[in-house]
Amino acid sequence: MLSPIAYGLAVVLDLLILFIGYRFLTQPRAAAAGYGVPAEHGDAAVYLTIKGWRDLTYGVMGLALLFFVGARAEAWFMLVAAIMPFADTVIVLRNGGAKAVAFGVHFATAVAVLISSALLFLV
């Protein structure tokens, strides 16, 4: 019973981060606004591209670990990867973004990633 939930949540989170990376690469300004810190300067495009590739890589890495190595490797990956949404929470707050986005999106994502990690460790 626990395995389908653990694997399902991990796959959903990995696919979500893949989508976010794709969005930053294809619609960088809209993605930045959704992130919580709009990119208003023309020179911000390079940073949005970096974020897009970073997130895309995290998503691919998560899926690869889950499918080719197993639940335990994915659990460790998720545990470490939870640092990023916690950092995103701080970034949004320090740059004048909405607290609702910081906590409702980024902090909640970090908690979901930690829950996924815990479930995968239990499998």
N, C-alpha and C. Protein backbone atom coordinates (compact mmCIF):
# COMPACT_ATOMS: atom_id res chain seq x y z
N MET A 1 0.81 -1.20 0.00
CA MET A 1 0.00 0.00 0.00
C MET A 1 0.85 1.26 0.00
N LEU A 2 1.92 1.27 0.77
CA LEU A 2 2.77 2.45 0.88
C LEU A 2 3.59 2.67 -0.39
N SER A 3 4.02 1.61 -1.04
CA SER A 3 4.86 1.73 -2.23
C SER A 3 4.23 2.57 -3.34
N PRO A 4 2.97 2.30 -3.73
CA PRO A 4 2.39 3.13 -4.80
C PRO A 4 2.32 4.61 -4.44
N ILE A 5 2.02 4.90 -3.18
CA ILE A 5 1.95 6.30 -2.75
C ILE A 5 3.34 6.94 -2.79
N ALA A 6 4.33 6.23 -2.26
CA ALA A 6 5.70 6.76 -2.23
C ALA A 6 6.23 6.99 -3.65
N TYR A 7 6.07 5.99 -4.51
CA TYR A 7 6.55 6.12 -5.88
C TYR A 7 5.75 7.18 -6.64
N GLY A 8 4.44 7.18 -6.44
CA GLY A 8 3.59 8.14 -7.14
C GLY A 8 3.92 9.57 -6.78
N LEU A 9 4.09 9.85 -5.49
CA LEU A 9 4.44 11.20 -5.07
C LEU A 9 5.80 11.61 -5.62
N ALA A 10 6.75 10.70 -5.60
CA ALA A 10 8.08 11.00 -6.14
C ALA A 10 8.02 11.32 -7.63
N VAL A 11 7.29 10.54 -8.37
CA VAL A 11 7.16 10.78 -9.81
C VAL A 11 6.48 12.12 -10.06
N VAL A 12 5.41 12.41 -9.34
CA VAL A 12 4.69 13.69 -9.51
C VAL A 12 5.61 14.86 -9.21
N LEU A 13 6.37 14.79 -8.12
CA LEU A 13 7.28 15.88 -7.77
C LEU A 13 8.39 16.04 -8.81
N ASP A 14 8.93 14.92 -9.29
CA ASP A 14 9.98 15.00 -10.32
C ASP A 14 9.44 15.60 -11.61
N LEU A 15 8.23 15.18 -12.00
CA LEU A 15 7.62 15.74 -13.22
C LEU A 15 7.28 17.21 -13.04
N LEU A 16 6.86 17.58 -11.85
CA LEU A 16 6.54 18.99 -11.58
C LEU A 16 7.78 19.86 -11.72
N ILE A 17 8.90 19.42 -11.18
CA ILE A 17 10.12 20.22 -11.29
C ILE A 17 10.61 20.26 -12.74
N LEU A 18 10.39 19.17 -13.47
CA LEU A 18 10.70 19.18 -14.91
C LEU A 18 9.87 20.23 -15.62
N PHE A 19 8.58 20.28 -15.31
CA PHE A 19 7.70 21.27 -15.92
C PHE A 19 8.13 22.69 -15.57
N ILE A 20 8.49 22.91 -14.33
CA ILE A 20 8.93 24.25 -13.91
C ILE A 20 10.19 24.65 -14.69
N GLY A 21 11.14 23.73 -14.83
CA GLY A 21 12.33 24.01 -15.62
C GLY A 21 11.99 24.35 -17.06
N TYR A 22 11.10 23.55 -17.65
CA TYR A 22 10.66 23.80 -19.02
C TYR A 22 10.02 25.19 -19.14
N ARG A 23 9.19 25.53 -18.16
CA ARG A 23 8.52 26.83 -18.18
C ARG A 23 9.52 27.98 -18.09
N PHE A 24 10.54 27.84 -17.25
CA PHE A 24 11.55 28.89 -17.16
C PHE A 24 12.34 29.03 -18.45
N LEU A 25 12.46 27.95 -19.20
CA LEU A 25 13.17 28.02 -20.47
C LEU A 25 12.30 28.57 -21.60
N THR A 26 11.00 28.32 -21.55
CA THR A 26 10.13 28.73 -22.65
C THR A 26 9.32 29.99 -22.37
N GLN A 27 9.01 30.26 -21.10
CA GLN A 27 8.25 31.44 -20.71
C GLN A 27 8.89 32.06 -19.47
N PRO A 28 10.12 32.55 -19.60
CA PRO A 28 10.88 32.96 -18.42
C PRO A 28 10.24 34.06 -17.58
N ARG A 29 9.67 35.07 -18.19
CA ARG A 29 9.09 36.18 -17.42
C ARG A 29 7.87 35.71 -16.63
N ALA A 30 6.99 34.95 -17.27
CA ALA A 30 5.80 34.43 -16.57
C ALA A 30 6.21 33.48 -15.46
N ALA A 31 7.21 32.66 -15.71
CA ALA A 31 7.68 31.71 -14.69
C ALA A 31 8.27 32.46 -13.50
N ALA A 32 9.01 33.53 -13.76
CA ALA A 32 9.60 34.31 -12.68
C ALA A 32 8.52 34.96 -11.83
N ALA A 33 7.48 35.46 -12.46
CA ALA A 33 6.37 36.06 -11.71
C ALA A 33 5.70 35.00 -10.85
N GLY A 34 5.52 33.80 -11.38
CA GLY A 34 4.94 32.71 -10.61
C GLY A 34 5.83 32.25 -9.48
N TYR A 35 7.14 32.39 -9.68
CA TYR A 35 8.12 32.04 -8.65
C TYR A 35 7.99 32.96 -7.44
N GLY A 36 7.58 34.19 -7.71
CA GLY A 36 7.39 35.14 -6.61
C GLY A 36 8.28 36.36 -6.68
N VAL A 37 9.21 36.37 -7.61
CA VAL A 37 10.10 37.53 -7.79
C VAL A 37 10.14 37.83 -9.29
N PRO A 38 9.31 38.76 -9.75
CA PRO A 38 9.27 39.07 -11.18
C PRO A 38 10.63 39.53 -11.70
N ALA A 39 10.94 39.16 -12.91
CA ALA A 39 12.19 39.56 -13.56
C ALA A 39 11.88 40.75 -14.46
N GLU A 40 12.22 41.93 -13.98
CA GLU A 40 11.87 43.15 -14.71
C GLU A 40 13.02 43.66 -15.58
N HIS A 41 14.23 43.24 -15.32
CA HIS A 41 15.38 43.75 -16.05
C HIS A 41 15.68 42.85 -17.24
N GLY A 42 16.11 43.47 -18.33
CA GLY A 42 16.43 42.72 -19.53
C GLY A 42 17.56 41.74 -19.34
N ASP A 43 18.50 42.05 -18.44
CA ASP A 43 19.64 41.17 -18.23
C ASP A 43 19.32 40.00 -17.31
N ALA A 44 18.10 39.90 -16.84
CA ALA A 44 17.70 38.79 -15.97
C ALA A 44 17.51 37.50 -16.75
N ALA A 45 17.43 37.59 -18.07
CA ALA A 45 17.16 36.40 -18.90
C ALA A 45 18.18 35.29 -18.66
N VAL A 46 19.43 35.65 -18.46
CA VAL A 46 20.45 34.63 -18.25
C VAL A 46 20.18 33.87 -16.95
N TYR A 47 19.77 34.56 -15.91
CA TYR A 47 19.49 33.89 -14.64
C TYR A 47 18.24 33.02 -14.72
N LEU A 48 17.27 33.46 -15.49
CA LEU A 48 16.08 32.65 -15.67
C LEU A 48 16.40 31.38 -16.45
N THR A 49 17.30 31.49 -17.40
CA THR A 49 17.74 30.31 -18.16
C THR A 49 18.49 29.35 -17.25
N ILE A 50 19.34 29.88 -16.39
CA ILE A 50 20.07 29.04 -15.44
C ILE A 50 19.09 28.29 -14.55
N LYS A 51 18.09 29.00 -14.03
CA LYS A 51 17.10 28.36 -13.18
C LYS A 51 16.34 27.28 -13.95
N GLY A 52 16.01 27.56 -15.19
CA GLY A 52 15.31 26.57 -16.01
C GLY A 52 16.11 25.29 -16.18
N TRP A 53 17.37 25.43 -16.53
CA TRP A 53 18.22 24.24 -16.71
C TRP A 53 18.47 23.53 -15.39
N ARG A 54 18.61 24.29 -14.30
CA ARG A 54 18.80 23.67 -12.99
C ARG A 54 17.59 22.81 -12.63
N ASP A 55 16.40 23.36 -12.76
CA ASP A 55 15.20 22.62 -12.41
C ASP A 55 14.97 21.44 -13.34
N LEU A 56 15.21 21.63 -14.62
CA LEU A 56 15.07 20.54 -15.58
C LEU A 56 16.01 19.40 -15.21
N THR A 57 17.23 19.73 -14.84
CA THR A 57 18.22 18.72 -14.45
C THR A 57 17.80 18.00 -13.17
N TYR A 58 17.29 18.73 -12.19
CA TYR A 58 16.81 18.09 -10.96
C TYR A 58 15.69 17.10 -11.27
N GLY A 59 14.77 17.47 -12.14
CA GLY A 59 13.67 16.57 -12.48
C GLY A 59 14.14 15.30 -13.17
N VAL A 60 15.05 15.46 -14.13
CA VAL A 60 15.59 14.29 -14.83
C VAL A 60 16.39 13.41 -13.87
N MET A 61 17.18 14.03 -13.02
CA MET A 61 17.98 13.27 -12.05
C MET A 61 17.09 12.46 -11.12
N GLY A 62 16.02 13.10 -10.62
CA GLY A 62 15.11 12.40 -9.74
C GLY A 62 14.47 11.20 -10.41
N LEU A 63 13.99 11.38 -11.62
CA LEU A 63 13.38 10.26 -12.34
C LEU A 63 14.39 9.16 -12.63
N ALA A 64 15.60 9.54 -13.03
CA ALA A 64 16.63 8.55 -13.32
C ALA A 64 16.98 7.74 -12.08
N LEU A 65 17.14 8.41 -10.96
CA LEU A 65 17.45 7.68 -9.73
C LEU A 65 16.32 6.73 -9.34
N LEU A 66 15.10 7.20 -9.45
CA LEU A 66 13.96 6.38 -9.07
C LEU A 66 13.85 5.14 -9.95
N PHE A 67 13.98 5.31 -11.24
CA PHE A 67 13.76 4.19 -12.17
C PHE A 67 14.98 3.28 -12.34
N PHE A 68 16.19 3.82 -12.23
CA PHE A 68 17.37 3.01 -12.50
C PHE A 68 18.12 2.56 -11.26
N VAL A 69 17.94 3.24 -10.13
CA VAL A 69 18.66 2.87 -8.91
C VAL A 69 17.69 2.37 -7.85
N GLY A 70 16.60 3.10 -7.62
CA GLY A 70 15.61 2.61 -6.68
C GLY A 70 15.15 3.65 -5.67
N ALA A 71 14.26 3.19 -4.81
CA ALA A 71 13.59 4.08 -3.86
C ALA A 71 14.56 4.70 -2.86
N ARG A 72 15.53 3.94 -2.40
CA ARG A 72 16.45 4.47 -1.38
C ARG A 72 17.30 5.62 -1.94
N ALA A 73 17.79 5.46 -3.16
CA ALA A 73 18.57 6.53 -3.79
C ALA A 73 17.71 7.76 -4.01
N GLU A 74 16.46 7.54 -4.44
CA GLU A 74 15.54 8.66 -4.65
C GLU A 74 15.22 9.34 -3.32
N ALA A 75 15.11 8.56 -2.26
CA ALA A 75 14.83 9.13 -0.93
C ALA A 75 15.95 10.07 -0.51
N TRP A 76 17.20 9.66 -0.70
CA TRP A 76 18.33 10.52 -0.37
C TRP A 76 18.36 11.76 -1.25
N PHE A 77 18.06 11.56 -2.53
CA PHE A 77 18.01 12.68 -3.45
C PHE A 77 16.96 13.70 -3.01
N MET A 78 15.76 13.20 -2.68
CA MET A 78 14.68 14.09 -2.24
C MET A 78 15.06 14.83 -0.95
N LEU A 79 15.70 14.12 -0.05
CA LEU A 79 16.11 14.74 1.21
C LEU A 79 17.06 15.91 0.94
N VAL A 80 18.02 15.70 0.08
CA VAL A 80 18.98 16.75 -0.25
C VAL A 80 18.33 17.84 -1.11
N ALA A 81 17.50 17.42 -2.06
CA ALA A 81 16.85 18.38 -2.96
C ALA A 81 15.87 19.30 -2.23
N ALA A 82 15.41 18.92 -1.05
CA ALA A 82 14.50 19.77 -0.28
C ALA A 82 15.17 21.09 0.11
N ILE A 83 16.48 21.12 0.08
CA ILE A 83 17.20 22.37 0.38
C ILE A 83 16.77 23.47 -0.59
N MET A 84 16.58 23.11 -1.87
CA MET A 84 16.30 24.12 -2.88
C MET A 84 14.98 24.85 -2.64
N PRO A 85 13.85 24.18 -2.40
CA PRO A 85 12.64 24.97 -2.15
C PRO A 85 12.69 25.75 -0.83
N PHE A 86 13.44 25.24 0.16
CA PHE A 86 13.63 26.05 1.37
C PHE A 86 14.40 27.32 1.02
N ALA A 87 15.44 27.18 0.20
CA ALA A 87 16.22 28.34 -0.24
C ALA A 87 15.35 29.28 -1.07
N ASP A 88 14.49 28.72 -1.92
CA ASP A 88 13.59 29.55 -2.73
C ASP A 88 12.65 30.36 -1.83
N THR A 89 12.22 29.78 -0.72
CA THR A 89 11.38 30.50 0.24
C THR A 89 12.11 31.74 0.73
N VAL A 90 13.35 31.57 1.12
CA VAL A 90 14.15 32.69 1.63
C VAL A 90 14.40 33.72 0.53
N ILE A 91 14.69 33.25 -0.67
CA ILE A 91 14.95 34.17 -1.79
C ILE A 91 13.74 35.04 -2.06
N VAL A 92 12.56 34.44 -2.09
CA VAL A 92 11.34 35.23 -2.34
C VAL A 92 11.13 36.24 -1.22
N LEU A 93 11.28 35.82 0.02
CA LEU A 93 11.08 36.74 1.15
C LEU A 93 12.10 37.87 1.15
N ARG A 94 13.35 37.57 0.86
CA ARG A 94 14.41 38.60 0.89
C ARG A 94 14.33 39.57 -0.27
N ASN A 95 13.58 39.21 -1.31
CA ASN A 95 13.50 40.08 -2.47
C ASN A 95 12.12 40.70 -2.66
N GLY A 96 11.38 40.80 -1.55
CA GLY A 96 10.12 41.51 -1.58
C GLY A 96 8.95 40.75 -2.17
N GLY A 97 9.09 39.45 -2.35
CA GLY A 97 7.99 38.66 -2.88
C GLY A 97 6.91 38.45 -1.84
N ALA A 98 5.77 38.00 -2.29
CA ALA A 98 4.63 37.78 -1.41
C ALA A 98 4.89 36.62 -0.46
N LYS A 99 4.52 36.82 0.79
CA LYS A 99 4.66 35.74 1.79
C LYS A 99 3.79 34.55 1.41
N ALA A 100 2.66 34.81 0.78
CA ALA A 100 1.77 33.72 0.36
C ALA A 100 2.47 32.81 -0.64
N VAL A 101 3.23 33.39 -1.55
CA VAL A 101 3.97 32.58 -2.52
C VAL A 101 5.14 31.88 -1.84
N ALA A 102 5.86 32.61 -1.00
CA ALA A 102 7.02 32.03 -0.31
C ALA A 102 6.63 30.81 0.49
N PHE A 103 5.56 30.94 1.27
CA PHE A 103 5.16 29.83 2.13
C PHE A 103 4.19 28.87 1.45
N GLY A 104 3.26 29.41 0.66
CA GLY A 104 2.25 28.58 0.02
C GLY A 104 2.77 27.77 -1.15
N VAL A 105 3.84 28.23 -1.78
CA VAL A 105 4.42 27.50 -2.90
C VAL A 105 5.74 26.84 -2.49
N HIS A 106 6.72 27.65 -2.14
CA HIS A 106 8.07 27.12 -1.93
C HIS A 106 8.20 26.31 -0.64
N PHE A 107 7.74 26.86 0.47
CA PHE A 107 7.85 26.14 1.74
C PHE A 107 7.00 24.87 1.69
N ALA A 108 5.79 24.99 1.13
CA ALA A 108 4.92 23.81 1.01
C ALA A 108 5.56 22.74 0.12
N THR A 109 6.25 23.18 -0.92
CA THR A 109 6.96 22.23 -1.79
C THR A 109 8.06 21.52 -1.02
N ALA A 110 8.80 22.27 -0.22
CA ALA A 110 9.87 21.66 0.58
C ALA A 110 9.30 20.60 1.52
N VAL A 111 8.17 20.90 2.13
CA VAL A 111 7.54 19.93 3.03
C VAL A 111 7.10 18.70 2.25
N ALA A 112 6.51 18.91 1.07
CA ALA A 112 6.09 17.78 0.24
C ALA A 112 7.28 16.91 -0.17
N VAL A 113 8.39 17.55 -0.50
CA VAL A 113 9.60 16.80 -0.87
C VAL A 113 10.12 16.00 0.32
N LEU A 114 10.09 16.58 1.51
CA LEU A 114 10.52 15.85 2.71
C LEU A 114 9.59 14.69 3.02
N ILE A 115 8.30 14.88 2.82
CA ILE A 115 7.34 13.78 3.01
C ILE A 115 7.62 12.66 2.01
N SER A 116 7.88 13.05 0.77
CA SER A 116 8.22 12.07 -0.26
C SER A 116 9.47 11.29 0.13
N SER A 117 10.46 12.00 0.62
CA SER A 117 11.70 11.34 1.06
C SER A 117 11.41 10.34 2.17
N ALA A 118 10.64 10.75 3.16
CA ALA A 118 10.31 9.86 4.29
C ALA A 118 9.57 8.62 3.80
N LEU A 119 8.60 8.80 2.92
CA LEU A 119 7.85 7.66 2.38
C LEU A 119 8.75 6.70 1.61
N LEU A 120 9.66 7.27 0.85
CA LEU A 120 10.58 6.42 0.07
C LEU A 120 11.53 5.65 0.98
N PHE A 121 11.95 6.25 2.08
CA PHE A 121 12.79 5.53 3.03
C PHE A 121 12.03 4.37 3.67
N LEU A 122 10.72 4.49 3.77
CA LEU A 122 9.91 3.44 4.39
C LEU A 122 9.60 2.28 3.44
N VAL A 123 9.79 2.49 2.15
CA VAL A 123 9.48 1.44 1.17
C VAL A 123 10.50 0.33 1.25
